[in-house]
C-alpha atoms as a PDB file:
ATOM      1  CA  MET A   1       3.768  24.456  10.716  1.00  0.00           C
ATOM      2  CA  LEU A   2       4.192  22.162   7.578  1.00  0.00           C
ATOM      3  CA  THR A   3       5.299  19.619   9.733  1.00  0.00           C
ATOM      4  CA  ILE A   4       2.273  19.724  13.012  1.00  0.00           C
ATOM      5  CA  PHE A   5      -0.012  19.596   9.954  1.00  0.00           C
ATOM      6  CA  TRP A   6       1.235  16.743   8.363  1.00  0.00           C
ATOM      7  CA  VAL A   7       1.375  14.485  11.090  1.00  0.00           C
ATOM      8  CA  LEU A   8      -2.934  15.602  12.189  1.00  0.00           C
ATOM      9  CA  ILE A   9      -3.522  14.453   8.414  1.00  0.00           C
ATOM     10  CA  GLN A  10      -1.646  11.410   8.582  1.00  0.00           C
ATOM     11  CA  VAL A  11      -3.712  10.676  12.238  1.00  0.00           C
ATOM     12  CA  SER A  12      -6.413  11.674  10.449  1.00  0.00           C
ATOM     13  CA  LEU A  13      -6.327   9.345   7.126  1.00  0.00           C
ATOM     14  CA  ASN A  14      -5.230   6.939   8.616  1.00  0.00           C
ATOM     15  CA  ALA A  15      -8.079   7.066  11.616  1.00  0.00           C
ATOM     16  CA  LEU A  16     -10.349   6.269   8.347  1.00  0.00           C
ATOM     17  CA  GLN A  17      -8.071   3.455   7.428  1.00  0.00           C
ATOM     18  CA  GLY A  18      -8.627   1.472  10.355  1.00  0.00           C
ATOM     19  CA  PRO A  19     -11.856   1.192  10.516  1.00  0.00           C
ATOM     20  CA  MET A  20     -12.108   0.942   6.712  1.00  0.00           C
ATOM     21  CA  SER A  21     -10.062  -2.195   6.286  1.00  0.00           C
ATOM     22  CA  ALA A  22     -12.686  -4.067   8.765  1.00  0.00           C
ATOM     23  CA  ILE A  23     -15.068  -4.220   6.126  1.00  0.00           C
ATOM     24  CA  THR A  24     -13.859  -7.023   4.323  1.00  0.00           C
ATOM     25  CA  PRO A  25     -14.010  -9.581   6.943  1.00  0.00           C
ATOM     26  CA  ASP A  26     -17.130  -8.066   8.468  1.00  0.00           C
ATOM     27  CA  ARG A  27     -19.226  -8.131   5.076  1.00  0.00           C
ATOM     28  CA  PHE A  28     -17.147 -11.081   3.268  1.00  0.00           C
ATOM     29  CA  PRO A  29     -16.680 -14.733   3.484  1.00  0.00           C
ATOM     30  CA  ARG A  30     -13.321 -16.038   3.038  1.00  0.00           C
ATOM     31  CA  ASP A  31     -13.681 -17.080  -0.525  1.00  0.00           C
ATOM     32  CA  ARG A  32     -14.583 -14.081  -1.480  1.00  0.00           C
ATOM     33  CA  ARG A  33     -12.215 -12.061  -0.293  1.00  0.00           C
ATOM     34  CA  GLY A  34     -10.072 -12.010  -2.552  1.00  0.00           C
ATOM     35  CA  ILE A  35     -12.480  -9.981  -4.988  1.00  0.00           C
ATOM     36  CA  ALA A  36     -13.441  -7.813  -1.867  1.00  0.00           C
ATOM     37  CA  SER A  37      -9.428  -6.795  -1.699  1.00  0.00           C
ATOM     38  CA  ALA A  38      -9.198  -6.350  -4.879  1.00  0.00           C
ATOM     39  CA  MET A  39     -12.178  -3.858  -5.359  1.00  0.00           C
ATOM     40  CA  PHE A  40      -9.739  -1.706  -2.332  1.00  0.00           C
ATOM     41  CA  GLY A  41      -7.009  -2.109  -4.380  1.00  0.00           C
ATOM     42  CA  LEU A  42      -8.490  -0.882  -7.800  1.00  0.00           C
ATOM     43  CA  GLY A  43      -9.107   1.834  -5.402  1.00  0.00           C
ATOM     44  CA  MET A  44      -5.849   2.948  -4.637  1.00  0.00           C
ATOM     45  CA  GLN A  45      -4.552   2.854  -7.686  1.00  0.00           C
ATOM     46  CA  ILE A  46      -7.339   4.814  -9.562  1.00  0.00           C
ATOM     47  CA  GLY A  47      -7.572   7.433  -6.432  1.00  0.00           C
ATOM     48  CA  ALA A  48      -3.373   7.625  -6.963  1.00  0.00           C
ATOM     49  CA  THR A  49      -3.475   8.146 -10.258  1.00  0.00           C
ATOM     50  CA  LEU A  50      -5.620  10.883 -10.129  1.00  0.00           C
ATOM     51  CA  GLY A  51      -4.309  12.398  -7.207  1.00  0.00           C
ATOM     52  CA  ILE A  52      -0.711  12.981  -9.565  1.00  0.00           C
ATOM     53  CA  VAL A  53      -2.954  14.088 -12.129  1.00  0.00           C
ATOM     54  CA  ILE A  54      -5.155  17.143  -9.779  1.00  0.00           C
ATOM     55  CA  ALA A  55      -1.694  17.512  -7.422  1.00  0.00           C
ATOM     56  CA  GLY A  56      -0.255  18.614 -10.834  1.00  0.00           C
ATOM     57  CA  GLN A  57      -2.651  21.580 -11.925  1.00  0.00           C
ATOM     58  CA  PHE A  58      -1.504  23.354  -8.448  1.00  0.00           C
ATOM     59  CA  ALA A  59       2.161  22.384  -9.049  1.00  0.00           C
ATOM     60  CA  THR A  60       2.239  26.101  -8.712  1.00  0.00           C
ATOM     61  CA  ASN A  61      -0.558  26.664  -5.959  1.00  0.00           C
ATOM     62  CA  PHE A  62      -0.162  24.678  -3.333  1.00  0.00           C
ATOM     63  CA  GLY A  63      -2.543  26.115  -0.561  1.00  0.00           C
ATOM     64  CA  VAL A  64      -5.325  25.730  -3.399  1.00  0.00           C
ATOM     65  CA  GLY A  65      -4.091  22.442  -3.889  1.00  0.00           C
ATOM     66  CA  TYR A  66      -3.962  21.337  -0.509  1.00  0.00           C
ATOM     67  CA  SER A  67      -7.729  22.805   0.449  1.00  0.00           C
ATOM     68  CA  VAL A  68      -9.117  20.877  -2.540  1.00  0.00           C
ATOM     69  CA  PHE A  69      -7.512  17.878  -1.364  1.00  0.00           C
ATOM     70  CA  GLY A  70      -9.402  17.980   1.718  1.00  0.00           C
ATOM     71  CA  VAL A  71     -12.572  19.149   0.742  1.00  0.00           C
ATOM     72  CA  ILE A  72     -12.085  15.986  -1.875  1.00  0.00           C
ATOM     73  CA  VAL A  73     -11.653  14.159   1.152  1.00  0.00           C
ATOM     74  CA  ILE A  74     -14.577  15.530   3.906  1.00  0.00           C
ATOM     75  CA  VAL A  75     -17.200  15.117   1.265  1.00  0.00           C
ATOM     76  CA  VAL A  76     -16.371  11.650  -0.031  1.00  0.00           C
ATOM     77  CA  THR A  77     -16.568  10.361   4.057  1.00  0.00           C
ATOM     78  CA  ILE A  78     -19.097  12.099   4.470  1.00  0.00           C
ATOM     79  CA  ALA A  79     -20.856   9.754   1.007  1.00  0.00           C
ATOM     80  CA  TYR A  80     -19.600   7.179   2.067  1.00  0.00           C
ATOM     81  CA  VAL A  81     -21.094   7.079   5.921  1.00  0.00           C
ATOM     82  CA  VAL A  82     -24.539   8.089   4.721  1.00  0.00           C
ATOM     83  CA  ILE A  83     -24.849   6.248   1.504  1.00  0.00           C
ATOM     84  CA  ASP A  84     -23.233   3.035   2.526  1.00  0.00           C
ATOM     85  CA  ARG A  85     -24.823   2.375   6.191  1.00  0.00           C
ATOM     86  CA  ASP A  86     -23.214  -0.606   8.750  1.00  0.00           C
ATOM     87  CA  TRP A  87     -25.675  -2.148  10.092  1.00  0.00           C
ATOM     88  CA  SER A  88     -26.703  -1.685  13.847  1.00  0.00           C
ATOM     89  CA  SER A  89     -23.996  -3.713  16.495  1.00  0.00           C
ATOM     90  CA  LYS A  90     -26.300  -2.950  19.451  1.00  0.00           C
ATOM     91  CA  GLU A  91     -27.563  -6.300  20.203  1.00  0.00           C
ATOM     92  CA  ALA A  92     -23.668  -7.366  20.094  1.00  0.00           C
ATOM     93  CA  ALA A  93     -21.882  -8.138  23.365  1.00  0.00           C
ATOM     94  CA  VAL A  94     -19.404  -5.279  24.023  1.00  0.00           C
ATOM     95  CA  GLU A  95     -17.224  -5.522  27.376  1.00  0.00           C
ATOM     96  CA  PRO A  96     -16.991  -2.830  29.198  1.00  0.00           C
ATOM     97  CA  TRP A  97     -14.634  -0.284  28.536  1.00  0.00           C
ATOM     98  CA  SER A  98     -10.819  -0.708  29.981  1.00  0.00           C
ATOM     99  CA  TRP A  99      -7.957   1.574  29.097  1.00  0.00           C
ATOM    100  CA  LYS A 100      -6.004  -1.437  30.479  1.00  0.00           C
ATOM    101  CA  GLN A 101      -7.417  -3.552  27.799  1.00  0.00           C
ATOM    102  CA  PHE A 102      -7.132  -0.968  25.595  1.00  0.00           C
ATOM    103  CA  PHE A 103      -3.636  -0.607  25.014  1.00  0.00           C
ATOM    104  CA  GLY A 104      -2.677  -3.815  25.959  1.00  0.00           C
ATOM    105  CA  GLY A 105      -4.746  -5.552  22.897  1.00  0.00           C
ATOM    106  CA  PHE A 106      -1.722  -3.617  20.668  1.00  0.00           C
ATOM    107  CA  TRP A 107      -0.078  -6.291  21.437  1.00  0.00           C
ATOM    108  CA  ILE A 108      -0.215  -9.128  19.930  1.00  0.00           C
ATOM    109  CA  ASN A 109       2.422 -12.386  20.963  1.00  0.00           C
ATOM    110  CA  PRO A 110       4.083 -13.371  17.741  1.00  0.00           C
ATOM    111  CA  LYS A 111       4.649 -17.210  19.802  1.00  0.00           C
ATOM    112  CA  GLN A 112       1.298 -17.513  19.854  1.00  0.00           C
ATOM    113  CA  HIS A 113       0.204 -15.729  16.453  1.00  0.00           C
ATOM    114  CA  PRO A 114       3.705 -16.116  13.880  1.00  0.00           C
ATOM    115  CA  ASP A 115       1.209 -16.328  11.284  1.00  0.00           C
ATOM    116  CA  PHE A 116      -0.103 -12.801  11.833  1.00  0.00           C
ATOM    117  CA  ALA A 117       3.344 -11.749  13.098  1.00  0.00           C
ATOM    118  CA  TRP A 118       4.823 -13.267   9.829  1.00  0.00           C
ATOM    119  CA  ALA A 119       2.230 -11.397   7.698  1.00  0.00           C
ATOM    120  CA  PHE A 120       2.791  -8.120   9.331  1.00  0.00           C
ATOM    121  CA  GLY A 121       6.987  -8.632   8.244  1.00  0.00           C
ATOM    122  CA  ALA A 122       6.236  -9.212   5.052  1.00  0.00           C
ATOM    123  CA  ARG A 123       3.893  -6.242   4.162  1.00  0.00           C
ATOM    124  CA  PHE A 124       6.293  -3.799   6.017  1.00  0.00           C
ATOM    125  CA  LEU A 125       9.461  -5.203   4.409  1.00  0.00           C
ATOM    126  CA  PHE A 126       7.434  -5.708   0.757  1.00  0.00           C
ATOM    127  CA  MET A 127       6.103  -1.341   1.150  1.00  0.00           C
ATOM    128  CA  LEU A 128       9.583  -0.089   1.966  1.00  0.00           C
ATOM    129  CA  GLY A 129      10.602  -1.814  -0.829  1.00  0.00           C
ATOM    130  CA  TYR A 130       7.879  -0.200  -3.136  1.00  0.00           C
ATOM    131  CA  PHE A 131       8.548   2.636  -1.598  1.00  0.00           C
ATOM    132  CA  VAL A 132      11.530   3.980  -1.325  1.00  0.00           C
ATOM    133  CA  ILE A 133      11.195   4.155  -5.790  1.00  0.00           C
ATOM    134  CA  ALA A 134       8.002   5.891  -5.889  1.00  0.00           C
ATOM    135  CA  ALA A 135       8.383   8.394  -2.741  1.00  0.00           C
ATOM    136  CA  TYR A 136      12.007   9.218  -4.769  1.00  0.00           C
ATOM    137  CA  GLY A 137       9.949   9.080  -8.470  1.00  0.00           C
ATOM    138  CA  LEU A 138      10.382  13.220  -9.751  1.00  0.00           C
ATOM    139  CA  TYR A 139      13.871  12.969  -7.677  1.00  0.00           C
ATOM    140  CA  ILE A 140      15.021   9.827  -9.650  1.00  0.00           C
ATOM    141  CA  LEU A 141      13.663  11.944 -12.767  1.00  0.00           C
ATOM    142  CA  THR A 142      15.833  14.832 -12.385  1.00  0.00           C
ATOM    143  CA  ASP A 143      18.963  13.510 -10.843  1.00  0.00           C
ATOM    144  CA  TYR A 144      19.492   9.856 -12.400  1.00  0.00           C
ATOM    145  CA  ILE A 145      17.942  10.442 -15.590  1.00  0.00           C
ATOM    146  CA  GLY A 146      18.590  14.135 -15.716  1.00  0.00           C
ATOM    147  CA  MET A 147      15.618  16.010 -16.991  1.00  0.00           C
ATOM    148  CA  GLY A 148      14.910  19.556 -16.232  1.00  0.00           C
ATOM    149  CA  LEU A 149      11.661  20.166 -13.106  1.00  0.00           C
ATOM    150  CA  THR A 150       9.620  21.286 -15.291  1.00  0.00           C
ATOM    151  CA  GLU A 151       9.797  18.171 -17.591  1.00  0.00           C
ATOM    152  CA  ALA A 152      10.158  15.641 -14.837  1.00  0.00           C
ATOM    153  CA  ALA A 153       6.606  17.056 -13.460  1.00  0.00           C
ATOM    154  CA  GLY A 154       4.484  16.176 -17.159  1.00  0.00           C
ATOM    155  CA  ALA A 155       6.924  12.568 -16.930  1.00  0.00           C
ATOM    156  CA  GLN A 156       5.605  11.814 -13.513  1.00  0.00           C
ATOM    157  CA  VAL A 157       2.749  11.855 -15.012  1.00  0.00           C
ATOM    158  CA  GLN A 158       3.048   9.826 -17.784  1.00  0.00           C
ATOM    159  CA  LEU A 159       4.659   7.221 -16.165  1.00  0.00           C
ATOM    160  CA  THR A 160       1.783   6.868 -13.161  1.00  0.00           C
ATOM    161  CA  LEU A 161      -0.946   6.661 -16.361  1.00  0.00           C
ATOM    162  CA  ALA A 162       1.113   4.092 -17.937  1.00  0.00           C
ATOM    163  CA  GLY A 163       1.417   1.792 -14.943  1.00  0.00           C
ATOM    164  CA  LEU A 164      -2.590   2.801 -14.461  1.00  0.00           C
ATOM    165  CA  VAL A 165      -4.003  -0.122 -16.920  1.00  0.00           C
ATOM    166  CA  PRO A 166      -1.626  -2.785 -16.275  1.00  0.00           C
ATOM    167  CA  THR A 167      -2.070  -2.298 -12.541  1.00  0.00           C
ATOM    168  CA  LEU A 168      -6.192  -2.557 -13.307  1.00  0.00           C
ATOM    169  CA  LEU A 169      -5.892  -5.983 -14.835  1.00  0.00           C
ATOM    170  CA  ALA A 170      -3.622  -7.459 -12.516  1.00  0.00           C
ATOM    171  CA  VAL A 171      -5.922  -6.146  -9.468  1.00  0.00           C
ATOM    172  CA  ALA A 172      -9.109  -7.586 -11.362  1.00  0.00           C
ATOM    173  CA  VAL A 173      -8.032 -10.452 -12.978  1.00  0.00           C
ATOM    174  CA  SER A 174      -5.966 -11.875  -9.884  1.00  0.00           C
ATOM    175  CA  GLY A 175      -8.139 -11.111  -7.418  1.00  0.00           C
ATOM    176  CA  TRP A 176     -10.629 -13.422  -8.845  1.00  0.00           C
ATOM    177  CA  TRP A 177      -8.362 -16.278 -10.062  1.00  0.00           C
ATOM    178  CA  SER A 178      -7.443 -16.035  -6.416  1.00  0.00           C
ATOM    179  CA  ASP A 179     -10.590 -16.926  -4.687  1.00  0.00           C
ATOM    180  CA  LYS A 180     -11.202 -19.701  -7.758  1.00  0.00           C
ATOM    181  CA  ILE A 181      -7.458 -21.575  -6.403  1.00  0.00           C
ATOM    182  CA  GLY A 182      -7.966 -20.832  -2.895  1.00  0.00           C
ATOM    183  CA  ARG A 183      -4.796 -19.483  -2.734  1.00  0.00           C
ATOM    184  CA  ARG A 184      -2.968 -15.668  -1.634  1.00  0.00           C
ATOM    185  CA  LYS A 185       0.766 -16.894  -1.409  1.00  0.00           C
ATOM    186  CA  VAL A 186       1.505 -17.975  -4.901  1.00  0.00           C
ATOM    187  CA  PHE A 187       0.202 -14.590  -6.212  1.00  0.00           C
ATOM    188  CA  ILE A 188       2.425 -12.640  -3.359  1.00  0.00           C
ATOM    189  CA  TYR A 189       5.455 -14.569  -4.897  1.00  0.00           C
ATOM    190  CA  ALA A 190       4.539 -13.724  -8.730  1.00  0.00           C
ATOM    191  CA  SER A 191       4.527 -10.199  -7.409  1.00  0.00           C
ATOM    192  CA  SER A 192       8.000  -9.921  -6.093  1.00  0.00           C
ATOM    193  CA  VAL A 193       9.265 -11.952  -9.350  1.00  0.00           C
ATOM    194  CA  ILE A 194       7.816  -9.219 -11.186  1.00  0.00           C
ATOM    195  CA  MET A 195       8.478  -6.047  -8.794  1.00  0.00           C
ATOM    196  CA  VAL A 196      12.434  -6.831  -9.296  1.00  0.00           C
ATOM    197  CA  ALA A 197      12.419  -7.724 -13.134  1.00  0.00           C
ATOM    198  CA  SER A 198      11.134  -4.136 -13.314  1.00  0.00           C
ATOM    199  CA  LEU A 199      13.258  -2.503 -10.893  1.00  0.00           C
ATOM    200  CA  SER A 200      16.111  -3.771 -12.665  1.00  0.00           C
ATOM    201  CA  LEU A 201      15.394  -1.595 -15.907  1.00  0.00           C
ATOM    202  CA  PRO A 202      16.542   2.249 -14.835  1.00  0.00           C
ATOM    203  CA  LEU A 203      19.810   0.424 -13.934  1.00  0.00           C
ATOM    204  CA  ILE A 204      20.279  -1.282 -17.395  1.00  0.00           C
ATOM    205  CA  MET A 205      18.168   2.000 -19.226  1.00  0.00           C
ATOM    206  CA  PRO A 206      19.280   4.903 -17.063  1.00  0.00           C
ATOM    207  CA  ASN A 207      16.292   6.633 -19.176  1.00  0.00           C
ATOM    208  CA  MET A 208      12.571   7.923 -19.835  1.00  0.00           C
ATOM    209  CA  THR A 209      12.619   4.157 -21.756  1.00  0.00           C
ATOM    210  CA  GLY A 210      13.806   1.937 -18.761  1.00  0.00           C
ATOM    211  CA  MET A 211      11.395   4.024 -16.165  1.00  0.00           C
ATOM    212  CA  LEU A 212       8.332   3.621 -18.696  1.00  0.00           C
ATOM    213  CA  LEU A 213       9.232   0.070 -18.556  1.00  0.00           C
ATOM    214  CA  MET A 214       9.437   0.165 -15.004  1.00  0.00           C
ATOM    215  CA  ASN A 215       6.870   1.560 -14.806  1.00  0.00           C
ATOM    216  CA  ILE A 216       4.702  -0.699 -16.753  1.00  0.00           C
ATOM    217  CA  ILE A 217       5.548  -4.214 -15.593  1.00  0.00           C
ATOM    218  CA  ILE A 218       5.968  -3.261 -11.748  1.00  0.00           C
ATOM    219  CA  GLY A 219       2.182  -2.355 -12.557  1.00  0.00           C
ATOM    220  CA  PHE A 220       1.703  -5.950 -13.186  1.00  0.00           C
ATOM    221  CA  GLY A 221       3.569  -7.212  -9.380  1.00  0.00           C
ATOM    222  CA  PHE A 222       1.986  -3.716  -7.543  1.00  0.00           C
ATOM    223  CA  GLY A 223      -1.426  -5.220  -8.846  1.00  0.00           C
ATOM    224  CA  PHE A 224      -0.963  -8.678  -8.419  1.00  0.00           C
ATOM    225  CA  TYR A 225       0.209  -7.160  -4.714  1.00  0.00           C
ATOM    226  CA  MET A 226      -2.827  -5.189  -3.696  1.00  0.00           C
ATOM    227  CA  SER A 227      -4.966  -7.679  -5.131  1.00  0.00           C
ATOM    228  CA  VAL A 228      -4.833 -10.806  -2.654  1.00  0.00           C
ATOM    229  CA  ASP A 229      -2.480  -8.631   0.199  1.00  0.00           C
ATOM    230  CA  THR A 230      -6.079  -7.326   2.325  1.00  0.00           C
ATOM    231  CA  ALA A 231      -7.497 -10.853   1.529  1.00  0.00           C
ATOM    232  CA  LEU A 232      -4.491 -12.582   2.955  1.00  0.00           C
ATOM    233  CA  MET A 233      -4.419 -10.168   5.805  1.00  0.00           C
ATOM    234  CA  THR A 234      -8.120 -10.999   7.155  1.00  0.00           C
ATOM    235  CA  GLU A 235      -6.904 -14.920   7.280  1.00  0.00           C
ATOM    236  CA  VAL A 236      -4.290 -14.436   9.802  1.00  0.00           C
ATOM    237  CA  LEU A 237      -6.259 -12.561  12.518  1.00  0.00           C
ATOM    238  CA  PRO A 238      -6.086 -13.866  16.448  1.00  0.00           C
ATOM    239  CA  GLY A 239      -8.559 -15.440  17.405  1.00  0.00           C
ATOM    240  CA  GLY A 240     -11.042 -15.462  14.127  1.00  0.00           C
ATOM    241  CA  GLY A 241     -11.136 -12.691  13.362  1.00  0.00           C
ATOM    242  CA  LYS A 242     -13.357 -11.557  16.498  1.00  0.00           C
ATOM    243  CA  ALA A 243     -10.824  -7.740  16.896  1.00  0.00           C
ATOM    244  CA  ALA A 244     -11.109  -7.525  13.514  1.00  0.00           C
ATOM    245  CA  GLY A 245     -10.841  -3.819  13.215  1.00  0.00           C
ATOM    246  CA  LYS A 246      -8.340  -3.735  16.120  1.00  0.00           C
ATOM    247  CA  ASP A 247      -5.751  -6.343  14.650  1.00  0.00           C
ATOM    248  CA  LEU A 248      -6.099  -5.198  10.470  1.00  0.00           C
ATOM    249  CA  GLY A 249      -5.481  -1.419  12.518  1.00  0.00           C
ATOM    250  CA  ILE A 250      -2.290  -2.829  13.780  1.00  0.00           C
ATOM    251  CA  LEU A 251      -1.133  -4.429   9.941  1.00  0.00           C
ATOM    252  CA  ASN A 252      -1.860  -1.018   8.906  1.00  0.00           C
ATOM    253  CA  ILE A 253       1.126   0.256  10.866  1.00  0.00           C
ATOM    254  CA  ALA A 254       2.896  -2.178   8.450  1.00  0.00           C
ATOM    255  CA  THR A 255       2.053   0.280   5.021  1.00  0.00           C
ATOM    256  CA  ASN A 256       2.135   3.529   7.305  1.00  0.00           C
ATOM    257  CA  ILE A 257       5.314   3.566   8.445  1.00  0.00           C
ATOM    258  CA  PRO A 258       7.452   2.475   5.247  1.00  0.00           C
ATOM    259  CA  GLN A 259       5.499   4.860   3.710  1.00  0.00           C
ATOM    260  CA  ALA A 260       6.147   7.641   6.466  1.00  0.00           C
ATOM    261  CA  MET A 261       9.518   6.276   6.487  1.00  0.00           C
ATOM    262  CA  SER A 262      10.435   5.644   2.910  1.00  0.00           C
ATOM    263  CA  ALA A 263      11.785   9.187   1.537  1.00  0.00           C
ATOM    264  CA  ALA A 264      14.383   9.483   5.027  1.00  0.00           C
ATOM    265  CA  ILE A 265      15.557   6.195   4.015  1.00  0.00           C
ATOM    266  CA  ALA A 266      15.616   6.936   0.442  1.00  0.00           C
ATOM    267  CA  GLY A 267      17.848  10.119   0.745  1.00  0.00           C
ATOM    268  CA  LEU A 268      20.380   8.648   3.005  1.00  0.00           C
ATOM    269  CA  ILE A 269      20.724   4.983   0.679  1.00  0.00           C
ATOM    270  CA  ILE A 270      21.449   8.004  -1.987  1.00  0.00           C
ATOM    271  CA  THR A 271      24.071   9.898   0.485  1.00  0.00           C
ATOM    272  CA  VAL A 272      25.544   7.010   1.647  1.00  0.00           C
ATOM    273  CA  LEU A 273      25.344   3.764  -0.180  1.00  0.00           C
ATOM    274  CA  GLY A 274      26.497   5.423  -3.324  1.00  0.00           C
ATOM    275  CA  GLY A 275      23.575   7.009  -5.513  1.00  0.00           C
ATOM    276  CA  TYR A 276      20.533   6.575  -6.902  1.00  0.00           C
ATOM    277  CA  PRO A 277      21.464   2.543  -8.373  1.00  0.00           C
ATOM    278  CA  MET A 278      22.110   1.416  -4.841  1.00  0.00           C
ATOM    279  CA  LEU A 279      17.853   2.599  -4.166  1.00  0.00           C
ATOM    280  CA  PHE A 280      17.193   0.682  -6.909  1.00  0.00           C
ATOM    281  CA  ILE A 281      19.070  -2.487  -5.628  1.00  0.00           C
ATOM    282  CA  PHE A 282      17.428  -1.975  -1.998  1.00  0.00           C
ATOM    283  CA  ALA A 283      14.184  -1.833  -3.167  1.00  0.00           C
ATOM    284  CA  MET A 284      14.558  -5.426  -5.409  1.00  0.00           C
ATOM    285  CA  VAL A 285      16.487  -6.537  -1.971  1.00  0.00           C
ATOM    286  CA  PHE A 286      13.391  -5.996   0.580  1.00  0.00           C
ATOM    287  CA  VAL A 287      10.754  -7.033  -2.025  1.00  0.00           C
ATOM    288  CA  VAL A 288      12.327 -10.231  -2.542  1.00  0.00           C
ATOM    289  CA  ILE A 289      12.566 -10.783   1.438  1.00  0.00           C
ATOM    290  CA  ALA A 290       9.129  -9.735   1.743  1.00  0.00           C
ATOM    291  CA  ALA A 291       8.328 -12.859  -0.047  1.00  0.00           C
ATOM    292  CA  VAL A 292      10.602 -15.257   1.901  1.00  0.00           C
ATOM    293  CA  ALA A 293       8.512 -14.040   4.831  1.00  0.00           C
ATOM    294  CA  VAL A 294       5.248 -15.313   3.095  1.00  0.00           C
ATOM    295  CA  ALA A 295       6.726 -18.759   3.157  1.00  0.00           C
ATOM    296  CA  PRO A 296       6.376 -19.346   7.340  1.00  0.00           C
ATOM    297  CA  ILE A 297       2.508 -18.663   7.416  1.00  0.00           C
ATOM    298  CA  LYS A 298       0.934 -22.053   7.496  1.00  0.00           C
ATOM    299  CA  SER A 299      -3.002 -20.708   8.007  1.00  0.00           C
ATOM    300  CA  VAL A 300      -2.829 -19.580   4.621  1.00  0.00           C
ATOM    301  CA  ARG A 301      -2.350 -21.251   1.057  1.00  0.00           C
END
């Protein structure tokens, strides 16, 4: 039952995420998308932090906890639709519905649209590198650092809060800065360097201090990435973004699949490749490869 309902949750939440991604290219000119991307990044980070804090209050009552988050999602979604109304598209030319065209639209030829393919790959690799650590945060504290379960649960909240401020600062500054200089790639490169440096700290200091420093520094790196990622993705869409909702939905797969796979992959790495140190090394390698994958994108500076 848990598996069935978790799949339904993922399908439902991603049904919301797809159309929301199209708001940036629909409502913002190209030279303002860094700011728009930063706002998405701020919302995601604040939401993730509050989610962990709130979830901690229901650690002994999962049923109530899931219900609370379910109600929050429904209320916020309805409020968004009612308050931030979209404009009418009745005057826009809409082609007749075709199942063949619908399913065919999910294939975007990488030879014809190489920038789109490289952007998809770069995001996929970066998110996989990030989430194999994020998904196993609690177990890193218990099995690698050596904390008890109760202590680790409290430490997890502390670490999340420690990373919040640097993430918010990085998102706010780099989004504005990216628009000002008209560049996106340099922030991806900077993010990767910062992420690799932060992920090396638990290897050097396998204790709470190392984890604390990692979360603070990785906050800057992830903030730099989040502030320009959405903006960069809107600039590689085929056809100038005429099918932005569909194309950004495809790019969202590069976020959702790594996130869904991360726990299983992390468990495999720990079991087969020699424990938690290899998990951090795996994350560093994939973040670097993700940065390399951004370089061939020609339509974005």
